[in-house]
């Protein structure tokens, strides 16, 4: 009888230890979203290994004060109050959402819109005195054309290049793919 009690106690112990053990596997959710994120300072890049774990890269990082396009968001939930999210920024390169990443903005497809420039309340601009103003294209590159000083131009849109302050270029549109820098012009009429 004593022997049966010992065997029963051992079996119950084994069942309670091994039979009722629970392993927790992180759940993941991947979304095909696109957008732009901004890294305030140098930020670690993670690689996704074959087991589905994120491993910090020892050879690559996002540079400080840089903007990056992302095309996926992978949310990983490890349980109560423990989760993480990673943005896909390059082939098998992910950035963890943290305080170094500023408000990722989703990109949008705007129907019927050819460009994404701001409408401007400035309607007429005049090239400053003694300035032979270079004409820029939509990429912010000089076209090789110039506009004479003291000439007036009708404008409808404002274009800004750059993520920080001061911006690299702010320009008013004067024609198809033709822009004049705000540094070379004065606004002479607003509507």
Protein backbone atom coordinates (compact mmCIF):
# COMPACT_ATOMS: atom_id res chain seq x y z
CA UNK A 1 0.00 0.00 0.00
CA UNK A 2 2.82 2.33 0.90
CA UNK A 3 4.50 1.46 -2.39
CA UNK A 4 1.33 2.31 -4.37
CA UNK A 5 1.07 5.64 -2.58
CA UNK A 6 4.65 6.52 -3.49
CA UNK A 7 4.14 5.53 -7.15
CA UNK A 8 0.89 7.52 -7.28
CA UNK A 9 2.58 10.56 -5.72
CA UNK A 10 5.45 10.35 -8.23
CA UNK A 11 3.02 9.99 -11.17
CA UNK A 12 0.93 12.94 -9.99
CA UNK A 13 4.08 15.02 -9.61
CA UNK A 14 5.24 14.09 -13.12
CA UNK A 15 1.83 14.85 -14.62
CA UNK A 16 1.60 18.17 -12.82
CA UNK A 17 5.10 19.18 -13.91
CA UNK A 18 5.06 17.93 -17.52
CA UNK A 19 1.41 17.39 -18.31
CA UNK A 20 0.20 20.88 -17.52
CA UNK A 21 3.22 22.95 -18.58
CA UNK A 22 2.46 25.73 -21.00
CA UNK A 23 4.85 27.31 -23.45
CA UNK A 24 4.11 30.77 -24.75
CA UNK A 25 4.97 31.51 -28.37
CA UNK A 26 4.91 35.11 -29.52
CA UNK A 27 2.10 35.92 -31.89
CA UNK A 28 2.86 38.09 -34.89
CA UNK A 29 0.75 40.21 -37.18
CA UNK A 30 2.18 41.56 -40.45
CA UNK A 31 0.50 44.46 -42.23
CA UNK A 32 1.30 45.61 -45.76
CA UNK A 33 1.36 49.32 -44.98
CA UNK A 34 3.68 51.89 -46.45
CA UNK A 35 4.96 55.14 -45.07
CA UNK A 36 7.90 57.27 -44.08
CA UNK A 37 9.64 57.06 -40.71
CA UNK A 38 12.28 59.40 -39.30
CA UNK A 39 15.24 58.22 -37.20
CA UNK A 40 16.33 60.89 -34.69
CA UNK A 41 19.69 59.29 -33.98
CA UNK A 42 21.61 56.23 -35.12
CA UNK A 43 19.14 53.37 -34.88
CA UNK A 44 19.77 49.62 -34.76
CA UNK A 45 18.66 47.52 -37.72
CA UNK A 46 17.28 44.05 -37.05
CA UNK A 47 17.35 41.00 -39.32
CA UNK A 48 14.60 38.38 -39.26
CA UNK A 49 16.15 34.90 -38.92
CA UNK A 50 14.72 31.54 -40.05
CA UNK A 51 13.13 30.93 -36.63
CA UNK A 52 11.16 34.18 -36.91
CA UNK A 53 13.24 36.05 -34.33
CA UNK A 54 14.59 39.58 -34.77
CA UNK A 55 18.36 39.75 -34.33
CA UNK A 56 20.25 43.04 -34.06
CA UNK A 57 22.64 43.67 -36.95
CA UNK A 58 26.23 44.29 -35.93
CA UNK A 59 27.25 45.89 -39.22
CA UNK A 60 24.39 48.20 -40.24
CA UNK A 61 22.25 50.95 -38.72
CA UNK A 62 20.04 53.82 -39.82
CA UNK A 63 21.93 57.09 -39.82
CA UNK A 64 20.96 59.92 -37.49
CA UNK A 65 18.33 62.38 -38.69
CA UNK A 66 17.39 60.27 -41.70
CA UNK A 67 14.04 59.46 -43.29
CA UNK A 68 13.19 55.97 -44.52
CA UNK A 69 10.39 54.45 -46.58
CA UNK A 70 8.83 51.32 -45.08
CA UNK A 71 6.52 48.79 -46.77
CA UNK A 72 5.52 46.46 -43.92
CA UNK A 73 4.80 46.59 -40.21
CA UNK A 74 5.28 43.45 -38.13
CA UNK A 75 3.75 43.53 -34.66
CA UNK A 76 5.00 40.91 -32.19
CA UNK A 77 3.06 40.15 -29.00
CA UNK A 78 4.88 38.22 -26.28
CA UNK A 79 2.04 38.34 -23.78
CA UNK A 80 0.65 40.78 -21.28
CA UNK A 81 2.32 44.22 -21.48
CA UNK A 82 5.11 42.93 -23.68
CA UNK A 83 5.02 43.66 -27.37
CA UNK A 84 7.12 45.22 -30.11
CA UNK A 85 6.68 46.47 -33.64
CA UNK A 86 9.17 46.47 -36.50
CA UNK A 87 9.15 48.49 -39.75
CA UNK A 88 10.53 46.84 -42.91
CA UNK A 89 12.98 49.35 -44.45
CA UNK A 90 15.08 47.13 -46.77
CA UNK A 91 15.54 43.50 -47.78
CA UNK A 92 15.46 41.62 -44.45
CA UNK A 93 16.18 44.84 -42.58
CA UNK A 94 13.75 46.00 -39.91
CA UNK A 95 13.70 48.90 -37.45
CA UNK A 96 12.13 48.50 -34.02
CA UNK A 97 9.53 51.10 -33.07
CA UNK A 98 10.92 53.08 -30.14
CA UNK A 99 11.57 56.63 -28.92
CA UNK A 100 14.18 57.20 -31.66
CA UNK A 101 11.58 56.73 -34.41
CA UNK A 102 9.37 59.75 -35.00
CA UNK A 103 5.71 59.34 -35.98
CA UNK A 104 5.77 57.13 -39.03
CA UNK A 105 3.39 58.63 -41.55
CA UNK A 106 1.48 56.32 -43.87
CA UNK A 107 1.70 57.20 -47.53
CA UNK A 108 -1.49 57.83 -49.45
CA UNK A 109 -2.53 57.47 -53.04
CA UNK A 110 -4.27 60.66 -54.03
CA UNK A 111 -6.66 60.11 -56.94
CA UNK A 112 -6.30 62.53 -59.82
CA UNK A 113 -3.30 64.29 -58.33
CA UNK A 114 -0.10 64.36 -60.35
CA UNK A 115 2.15 65.85 -57.69
CA UNK A 116 2.20 66.30 -53.94
CA UNK A 117 3.05 69.97 -53.64
CA UNK A 118 1.35 72.49 -51.40
CA UNK A 119 -1.17 74.95 -52.77
CA UNK A 120 0.25 78.41 -52.21
CA UNK A 121 -1.56 81.56 -51.17
CA UNK A 122 1.15 83.47 -53.07
CA UNK A 123 -0.12 84.13 -56.59
CA UNK A 124 2.54 86.47 -58.00
CA UNK A 125 6.23 86.42 -57.14
CA UNK A 126 8.93 88.84 -58.28
CA UNK A 127 12.60 88.00 -58.65
CA UNK A 128 14.70 90.12 -56.28
CA UNK A 129 16.75 93.07 -57.55
CA UNK A 130 20.25 92.13 -58.81
CA UNK A 131 19.43 88.40 -58.71
CA UNK A 132 19.65 86.23 -61.79
CA UNK A 133 17.53 83.42 -60.32
CA UNK A 134 18.28 79.82 -61.29
CA UNK A 135 15.30 77.67 -62.31
CA UNK A 136 14.97 74.35 -60.48
CA UNK A 137 13.18 71.16 -61.55
CA UNK A 138 10.82 69.07 -59.41
CA UNK A 139 13.76 67.18 -57.91
CA UNK A 140 15.40 70.38 -56.66
CA UNK A 141 18.14 70.31 -59.31
CA UNK A 142 19.14 73.40 -61.28
CA UNK A 143 17.99 73.19 -64.91
CA UNK A 144 20.61 75.56 -66.33
CA UNK A 145 17.95 78.20 -67.05
CA UNK A 146 17.85 81.59 -65.32
CA UNK A 147 15.20 84.24 -64.78
CA UNK A 148 16.09 87.94 -64.96
CA UNK A 149 15.94 90.27 -61.93
CA UNK A 150 12.75 92.25 -61.23
CA UNK A 151 10.54 90.01 -63.40
CA UNK A 152 7.13 88.93 -62.10
CA UNK A 153 5.81 85.37 -62.34
CA UNK A 154 2.43 83.80 -61.64
CA UNK A 155 2.62 80.88 -59.19
CA UNK A 156 0.20 78.37 -57.70
CA UNK A 157 2.21 75.88 -55.67
CA UNK A 158 4.98 75.73 -53.09
CA UNK A 159 7.56 72.94 -53.02
CA UNK A 160 9.76 72.10 -50.02
CA UNK A 161 12.73 69.72 -50.06
CA UNK A 162 14.36 68.58 -46.82
CA UNK A 163 13.41 67.06 -43.48
CA UNK A 164 15.10 69.38 -41.02
CA UNK A 165 15.46 73.08 -40.44
CA UNK A 166 16.54 74.92 -42.42
CA UNK A 167 15.08 73.09 -45.39
CA UNK A 168 17.28 72.42 -48.42
CA UNK A 169 14.99 74.23 -50.87
CA UNK A 170 11.64 75.97 -50.79
CA UNK A 171 10.40 77.05 -54.20
CA UNK A 172 7.37 78.46 -56.04
CA UNK A 173 6.19 76.85 -59.29
CA UNK A 174 6.31 79.13 -62.35
CA UNK A 175 5.76 76.51 -65.06
CA UNK A 176 5.64 72.79 -65.75
CA UNK A 177 8.61 71.37 -63.83
CA UNK A 178 10.00 74.89 -63.32
CA UNK A 179 10.51 76.34 -59.85
CA UNK A 180 12.10 79.48 -58.35
CA UNK A 181 13.66 79.46 -54.88
CA UNK A 182 11.93 81.51 -52.20
CA UNK A 183 15.37 82.96 -51.38
CA UNK A 184 15.51 84.56 -54.85
CA UNK A 185 11.96 85.95 -54.90
CA UNK A 186 9.50 88.13 -53.03
CA UNK A 187 5.76 87.51 -52.90
CA UNK A 188 4.06 90.51 -54.52
CA UNK A 189 0.43 89.34 -54.66
CA UNK A 190 -1.72 86.94 -52.65
CA UNK A 191 -5.30 85.88 -53.30
